Amino acid sequence: MTFFLSRAERLSATKEFLEVKSRGFSVKTDPFWMQVMKVRSGDSKLGVIATRRLGNAVFRNKSKRLVRELFRKHKSKISFPVHLVVLPRKSILKTPFHQLEKCYIDALSRASFRI
């Protein structure tokens, strides 16, 4: 079992983030916003945008680690390949991990109905 995301599972180029923003749709929850775009083939990919509005570098990095862990732990629940861009909000750091998991799974299920 791997505890990190491979390069094939990460959105890295700016054009990939912009494509998800323009062609996808968003699902909003209290701890984060998720932008989802279905792709034809390949692996599901994750991109995280943690802005300075979230807090200092420690808080931004912790929120990114939480989001990556949610994706890694629950990527088997994604039935078709998608590109996800997650924007953590300040409440992600105050929310217990089991509630974050529920919010993430709920957001994925809402996204699957819209695709």
N, C-alpha and C. Protein backbone atom coordinates (compact mmCIF):
# COMPACT_ATOMS: atom_id res chain seq x y z
N MET A 1 0.84 -1.18 0.00
CA MET A 1 0.00 0.00 0.00
C MET A 1 0.89 1.24 0.00
N THR A 2 0.61 2.18 -0.89
CA THR A 2 1.39 3.40 -0.96
C THR A 2 0.74 4.49 -0.14
N PHE A 3 1.56 5.36 0.41
CA PHE A 3 1.05 6.45 1.23
C PHE A 3 1.30 7.81 0.60
N PHE A 4 1.43 7.83 -0.71
CA PHE A 4 1.61 9.08 -1.41
C PHE A 4 0.91 8.98 -2.76
N LEU A 5 0.75 10.11 -3.41
CA LEU A 5 0.14 10.13 -4.72
C LEU A 5 1.23 10.10 -5.78
N SER A 6 1.08 9.23 -6.74
CA SER A 6 2.06 9.17 -7.83
C SER A 6 1.85 10.36 -8.76
N ARG A 7 2.78 10.57 -9.65
CA ARG A 7 2.65 11.67 -10.61
C ARG A 7 1.42 11.51 -11.49
N ALA A 8 1.04 10.27 -11.77
CA ALA A 8 -0.13 10.01 -12.61
C ALA A 8 -1.42 10.37 -11.90
N GLU A 9 -1.38 10.54 -10.58
CA GLU A 9 -2.58 10.86 -9.81
C GLU A 9 -2.66 12.33 -9.41
N ARG A 10 -1.76 13.16 -9.91
CA ARG A 10 -1.73 14.57 -9.54
C ARG A 10 -1.99 15.46 -10.75
N LEU A 11 -2.78 16.50 -10.52
CA LEU A 11 -2.88 17.57 -11.51
C LEU A 11 -1.71 18.51 -11.25
N SER A 12 -0.96 18.81 -12.30
CA SER A 12 0.20 19.66 -12.06
C SER A 12 0.23 20.89 -12.96
N ALA A 13 -0.23 20.77 -14.16
CA ALA A 13 -0.15 21.88 -15.09
C ALA A 13 -1.29 22.86 -14.86
N THR A 14 -1.00 24.12 -15.05
CA THR A 14 -2.01 25.17 -14.89
C THR A 14 -3.18 24.94 -15.84
N LYS A 15 -2.89 24.48 -17.06
CA LYS A 15 -3.98 24.27 -18.02
C LYS A 15 -4.93 23.17 -17.55
N GLU A 16 -4.44 22.18 -16.81
CA GLU A 16 -5.34 21.15 -16.27
C GLU A 16 -6.28 21.74 -15.23
N PHE A 17 -5.77 22.59 -14.36
CA PHE A 17 -6.61 23.24 -13.36
C PHE A 17 -7.65 24.13 -14.04
N LEU A 18 -7.24 24.89 -15.03
CA LEU A 18 -8.16 25.78 -15.74
C LEU A 18 -9.23 24.99 -16.51
N GLU A 19 -8.84 23.84 -17.06
CA GLU A 19 -9.81 23.01 -17.78
C GLU A 19 -10.88 22.47 -16.83
N VAL A 20 -10.47 22.04 -15.65
CA VAL A 20 -11.45 21.56 -14.66
C VAL A 20 -12.37 22.69 -14.26
N LYS A 21 -11.80 23.88 -14.08
CA LYS A 21 -12.62 25.02 -13.69
C LYS A 21 -13.63 25.39 -14.75
N SER A 22 -13.22 25.34 -16.02
CA SER A 22 -14.13 25.77 -17.09
C SER A 22 -15.11 24.68 -17.52
N ARG A 23 -14.68 23.43 -17.59
CA ARG A 23 -15.54 22.37 -18.11
C ARG A 23 -16.24 21.56 -17.03
N GLY A 24 -15.77 21.65 -15.80
CA GLY A 24 -16.36 20.87 -14.72
C GLY A 24 -17.44 21.64 -13.98
N PHE A 25 -17.82 21.12 -12.85
CA PHE A 25 -18.80 21.79 -11.99
C PHE A 25 -18.33 21.67 -10.55
N SER A 26 -18.91 22.47 -9.67
CA SER A 26 -18.43 22.48 -8.30
C SER A 26 -19.47 21.91 -7.34
N VAL A 27 -18.94 21.29 -6.31
CA VAL A 27 -19.74 20.77 -5.20
C VAL A 27 -19.19 21.43 -3.95
N LYS A 28 -20.04 22.11 -3.21
CA LYS A 28 -19.59 22.87 -2.05
C LYS A 28 -20.02 22.17 -0.76
N THR A 29 -19.08 22.01 0.12
CA THR A 29 -19.34 21.53 1.47
C THR A 29 -18.74 22.54 2.43
N ASP A 30 -18.97 22.37 3.71
CA ASP A 30 -18.45 23.33 4.67
C ASP A 30 -16.92 23.32 4.74
N PRO A 31 -16.25 22.16 4.80
CA PRO A 31 -14.79 22.19 4.93
C PRO A 31 -14.02 22.41 3.62
N PHE A 32 -14.66 22.19 2.47
CA PHE A 32 -13.94 22.39 1.21
C PHE A 32 -14.92 22.53 0.05
N TRP A 33 -14.40 23.07 -1.05
CA TRP A 33 -15.12 23.09 -2.32
C TRP A 33 -14.43 22.13 -3.25
N MET A 34 -15.20 21.42 -4.03
CA MET A 34 -14.64 20.43 -4.95
C MET A 34 -15.13 20.75 -6.36
N GLN A 35 -14.20 20.85 -7.28
CA GLN A 35 -14.53 21.02 -8.69
C GLN A 35 -14.24 19.69 -9.37
N VAL A 36 -15.20 19.18 -10.13
CA VAL A 36 -15.12 17.84 -10.70
C VAL A 36 -15.32 17.91 -12.21
N MET A 37 -14.50 17.15 -12.94
CA MET A 37 -14.67 17.03 -14.38
C MET A 37 -14.43 15.57 -14.76
N LYS A 38 -15.37 14.99 -15.46
CA LYS A 38 -15.21 13.61 -15.91
C LYS A 38 -14.27 13.58 -17.12
N VAL A 39 -13.38 12.59 -17.14
CA VAL A 39 -12.46 12.42 -18.27
C VAL A 39 -12.75 11.08 -18.92
N ARG A 40 -12.35 10.96 -20.17
CA ARG A 40 -12.68 9.74 -20.92
C ARG A 40 -11.85 8.54 -20.50
N SER A 41 -10.57 8.74 -20.27
CA SER A 41 -9.72 7.61 -19.93
C SER A 41 -8.61 8.07 -19.00
N GLY A 42 -7.87 7.12 -18.46
CA GLY A 42 -6.78 7.43 -17.57
C GLY A 42 -7.18 7.28 -16.12
N ASP A 43 -6.31 7.73 -15.26
CA ASP A 43 -6.56 7.65 -13.82
C ASP A 43 -7.27 8.90 -13.34
N SER A 44 -7.90 8.78 -12.18
CA SER A 44 -8.44 9.96 -11.52
C SER A 44 -7.27 10.77 -10.98
N LYS A 45 -7.39 12.08 -11.09
CA LYS A 45 -6.31 12.96 -10.65
C LYS A 45 -6.84 13.97 -9.66
N LEU A 46 -5.95 14.40 -8.77
CA LEU A 46 -6.29 15.36 -7.73
C LEU A 46 -5.38 16.57 -7.82
N GLY A 47 -5.96 17.73 -7.64
CA GLY A 47 -5.21 18.98 -7.50
C GLY A 47 -5.78 19.72 -6.31
N VAL A 48 -4.91 20.30 -5.51
CA VAL A 48 -5.33 21.04 -4.32
C VAL A 48 -4.85 22.47 -4.44
N ILE A 49 -5.75 23.41 -4.18
CA ILE A 49 -5.41 24.83 -4.19
C ILE A 49 -5.65 25.36 -2.79
N ALA A 50 -4.57 25.67 -2.09
CA ALA A 50 -4.66 26.23 -0.74
C ALA A 50 -4.08 27.64 -0.79
N THR A 51 -4.94 28.63 -0.72
CA THR A 51 -4.50 30.02 -0.84
C THR A 51 -4.08 30.59 0.51
N ARG A 52 -3.47 31.75 0.48
CA ARG A 52 -3.04 32.41 1.71
C ARG A 52 -4.20 32.77 2.62
N ARG A 53 -5.35 32.89 2.05
CA ARG A 53 -6.54 33.21 2.84
C ARG A 53 -6.81 32.12 3.88
N LEU A 54 -6.32 30.91 3.61
CA LEU A 54 -6.50 29.79 4.53
C LEU A 54 -5.66 29.96 5.79
N GLY A 55 -4.52 30.59 5.69
CA GLY A 55 -3.65 30.78 6.85
C GLY A 55 -2.20 30.73 6.44
N ASN A 56 -1.34 30.55 7.43
CA ASN A 56 0.09 30.51 7.13
C ASN A 56 0.47 29.18 6.48
N ALA A 57 1.75 29.00 6.18
CA ALA A 57 2.21 27.83 5.44
C ALA A 57 1.91 26.52 6.18
N VAL A 58 1.99 26.55 7.49
CA VAL A 58 1.71 25.33 8.28
C VAL A 58 0.27 24.88 8.05
N PHE A 59 -0.68 25.81 8.12
CA PHE A 59 -2.09 25.47 7.95
C PHE A 59 -2.39 25.05 6.51
N ARG A 60 -1.77 25.74 5.55
CA ARG A 60 -2.00 25.38 4.15
C ARG A 60 -1.47 23.98 3.86
N ASN A 61 -0.29 23.66 4.34
CA ASN A 61 0.28 22.34 4.11
C ASN A 61 -0.52 21.24 4.82
N LYS A 62 -0.98 21.52 6.02
CA LYS A 62 -1.78 20.52 6.74
C LYS A 62 -3.10 20.26 6.01
N SER A 63 -3.73 21.30 5.50
CA SER A 63 -4.98 21.11 4.78
C SER A 63 -4.76 20.32 3.50
N LYS A 64 -3.63 20.57 2.82
CA LYS A 64 -3.32 19.80 1.60
C LYS A 64 -3.08 18.33 1.94
N ARG A 65 -2.39 18.07 3.03
CA ARG A 65 -2.16 16.67 3.44
C ARG A 65 -3.47 15.97 3.75
N LEU A 66 -4.39 16.67 4.41
CA LEU A 66 -5.70 16.08 4.72
C LEU A 66 -6.46 15.73 3.45
N VAL A 67 -6.47 16.63 2.49
CA VAL A 67 -7.20 16.39 1.24
C VAL A 67 -6.57 15.24 0.46
N ARG A 68 -5.24 15.21 0.40
CA ARG A 68 -4.57 14.11 -0.30
C ARG A 68 -4.88 12.77 0.35
N GLU A 69 -4.93 12.74 1.68
CA GLU A 69 -5.25 11.50 2.38
C GLU A 69 -6.69 11.07 2.11
N LEU A 70 -7.61 12.01 2.06
CA LEU A 70 -9.00 11.67 1.72
C LEU A 70 -9.06 11.05 0.32
N PHE A 71 -8.37 11.66 -0.63
CA PHE A 71 -8.37 11.14 -2.00
C PHE A 71 -7.75 9.75 -2.05
N ARG A 72 -6.60 9.59 -1.41
CA ARG A 72 -5.90 8.31 -1.43
C ARG A 72 -6.73 7.20 -0.80
N LYS A 73 -7.37 7.53 0.31
CA LYS A 73 -8.12 6.52 1.06
C LYS A 73 -9.42 6.12 0.35
N HIS A 74 -10.01 7.05 -0.38
CA HIS A 74 -11.33 6.79 -0.96
C HIS A 74 -11.35 6.80 -2.48
N LYS A 75 -10.21 6.66 -3.13
CA LYS A 75 -10.22 6.68 -4.60
C LYS A 75 -10.89 5.45 -5.19
N SER A 76 -11.04 4.39 -4.42
CA SER A 76 -11.75 3.21 -4.91
C SER A 76 -13.26 3.47 -5.04
N LYS A 77 -13.76 4.50 -4.36
CA LYS A 77 -15.19 4.83 -4.43
C LYS A 77 -15.53 5.64 -5.68
N ILE A 78 -14.52 6.08 -6.42
CA ILE A 78 -14.75 6.82 -7.66
C ILE A 78 -14.89 5.80 -8.77
N SER A 79 -16.08 5.71 -9.36
CA SER A 79 -16.37 4.63 -10.30
C SER A 79 -15.86 4.89 -11.72
N PHE A 80 -15.56 6.14 -12.07
CA PHE A 80 -15.06 6.47 -13.40
C PHE A 80 -13.99 7.54 -13.24
N PRO A 81 -13.09 7.66 -14.21
CA PRO A 81 -11.99 8.61 -14.06
C PRO A 81 -12.47 10.07 -14.05
N VAL A 82 -12.00 10.82 -13.08
CA VAL A 82 -12.35 12.23 -12.95
C VAL A 82 -11.09 13.02 -12.60
N HIS A 83 -11.16 14.30 -12.86
CA HIS A 83 -10.15 15.23 -12.37
C HIS A 83 -10.82 16.05 -11.28
N LEU A 84 -10.22 16.07 -10.09
CA LEU A 84 -10.74 16.79 -8.95
C LEU A 84 -9.82 17.94 -8.60
N VAL A 85 -10.39 19.09 -8.36
CA VAL A 85 -9.66 20.21 -7.79
C VAL A 85 -10.37 20.54 -6.49
N VAL A 86 -9.64 20.47 -5.39
CA VAL A 86 -10.22 20.72 -4.08
C VAL A 86 -9.64 22.01 -3.51
N LEU A 87 -10.53 22.87 -3.04
CA LEU A 87 -10.13 24.12 -2.41
C LEU A 87 -10.54 24.05 -0.94
N PRO A 88 -9.58 23.79 -0.05
CA PRO A 88 -9.92 23.71 1.38
C PRO A 88 -10.34 25.07 1.93
N ARG A 89 -11.23 25.04 2.91
CA ARG A 89 -11.66 26.25 3.59
C ARG A 89 -11.15 26.20 5.02
N LYS A 90 -11.23 27.29 5.74
CA LYS A 90 -10.66 27.36 7.09
C LYS A 90 -11.22 26.30 8.03
N SER A 91 -12.46 25.92 7.85
CA SER A 91 -13.08 24.97 8.76
C SER A 91 -12.52 23.55 8.61
N ILE A 92 -11.73 23.28 7.56
CA ILE A 92 -11.16 21.94 7.38
C ILE A 92 -10.22 21.59 8.54
N LEU A 93 -9.57 22.58 9.11
CA LEU A 93 -8.62 22.33 10.18
C LEU A 93 -9.30 22.09 11.52
N LYS A 94 -10.54 22.52 11.65
CA LYS A 94 -11.28 22.35 12.90
C LYS A 94 -12.19 21.12 12.88
N THR A 95 -12.36 20.54 11.71
CA THR A 95 -13.27 19.41 11.55
C THR A 95 -12.53 18.10 11.80
N PRO A 96 -13.10 17.20 12.63
CA PRO A 96 -12.46 15.90 12.84
C PRO A 96 -12.40 15.10 11.53
N PHE A 97 -11.40 14.22 11.43
CA PHE A 97 -11.15 13.51 10.18
C PHE A 97 -12.33 12.65 9.77
N HIS A 98 -13.02 12.00 10.72
CA HIS A 98 -14.15 11.15 10.35
C HIS A 98 -15.28 11.97 9.73
N GLN A 99 -15.44 13.23 10.15
CA GLN A 99 -16.45 14.09 9.52
C GLN A 99 -15.98 14.54 8.14
N LEU A 100 -14.68 14.77 8.00
CA LEU A 100 -14.15 15.12 6.68
C LEU A 100 -14.40 13.98 5.70
N GLU A 101 -14.23 12.75 6.16
CA GLU A 101 -14.48 11.59 5.30
C GLU A 101 -15.94 11.55 4.86
N LYS A 102 -16.85 11.81 5.79
CA LYS A 102 -18.27 11.82 5.43
C LYS A 102 -18.58 12.91 4.42
N CYS A 103 -18.03 14.09 4.62
CA CYS A 103 -18.25 15.20 3.68
C CYS A 103 -17.67 14.87 2.31
N TYR A 104 -16.50 14.26 2.29
CA TYR A 104 -15.85 13.91 1.02
C TYR A 104 -16.66 12.87 0.26
N ILE A 105 -17.10 11.82 0.96
CA ILE A 105 -17.89 10.77 0.32
C ILE A 105 -19.22 11.34 -0.17
N ASP A 106 -19.83 12.22 0.63
CA ASP A 106 -21.08 12.85 0.23
C ASP A 106 -20.88 13.72 -1.01
N ALA A 107 -19.78 14.46 -1.05
CA ALA A 107 -19.49 15.30 -2.22
C ALA A 107 -19.26 14.45 -3.46
N LEU A 108 -18.57 13.33 -3.30
CA LEU A 108 -18.36 12.42 -4.44
C LEU A 108 -19.67 11.85 -4.95
N SER A 109 -20.56 11.48 -4.02
CA SER A 109 -21.84 10.91 -4.46
C SER A 109 -22.70 11.98 -5.15
N ARG A 110 -22.67 13.22 -4.64
CA ARG A 110 -23.41 14.30 -5.31
C ARG A 110 -22.83 14.58 -6.69
N ALA A 111 -21.50 14.48 -6.80
CA ALA A 111 -20.86 14.70 -8.09
C ALA A 111 -21.22 13.60 -9.08
N SER A 112 -21.32 12.35 -8.62
CA SER A 112 -21.62 11.27 -9.53
C SER A 112 -23.03 11.38 -10.10
N PHE A 113 -23.96 12.01 -9.36
CA PHE A 113 -25.31 12.21 -9.89
C PHE A 113 -25.33 13.29 -10.97
N ARG A 114 -24.40 14.23 -10.91
CA ARG A 114 -24.39 15.34 -11.87
C ARG A 114 -23.62 15.00 -13.13
N ILE A 115 -22.79 13.98 -13.09
CA ILE A 115 -21.99 13.65 -14.28
C ILE A 115 -22.79 12.76 -15.20
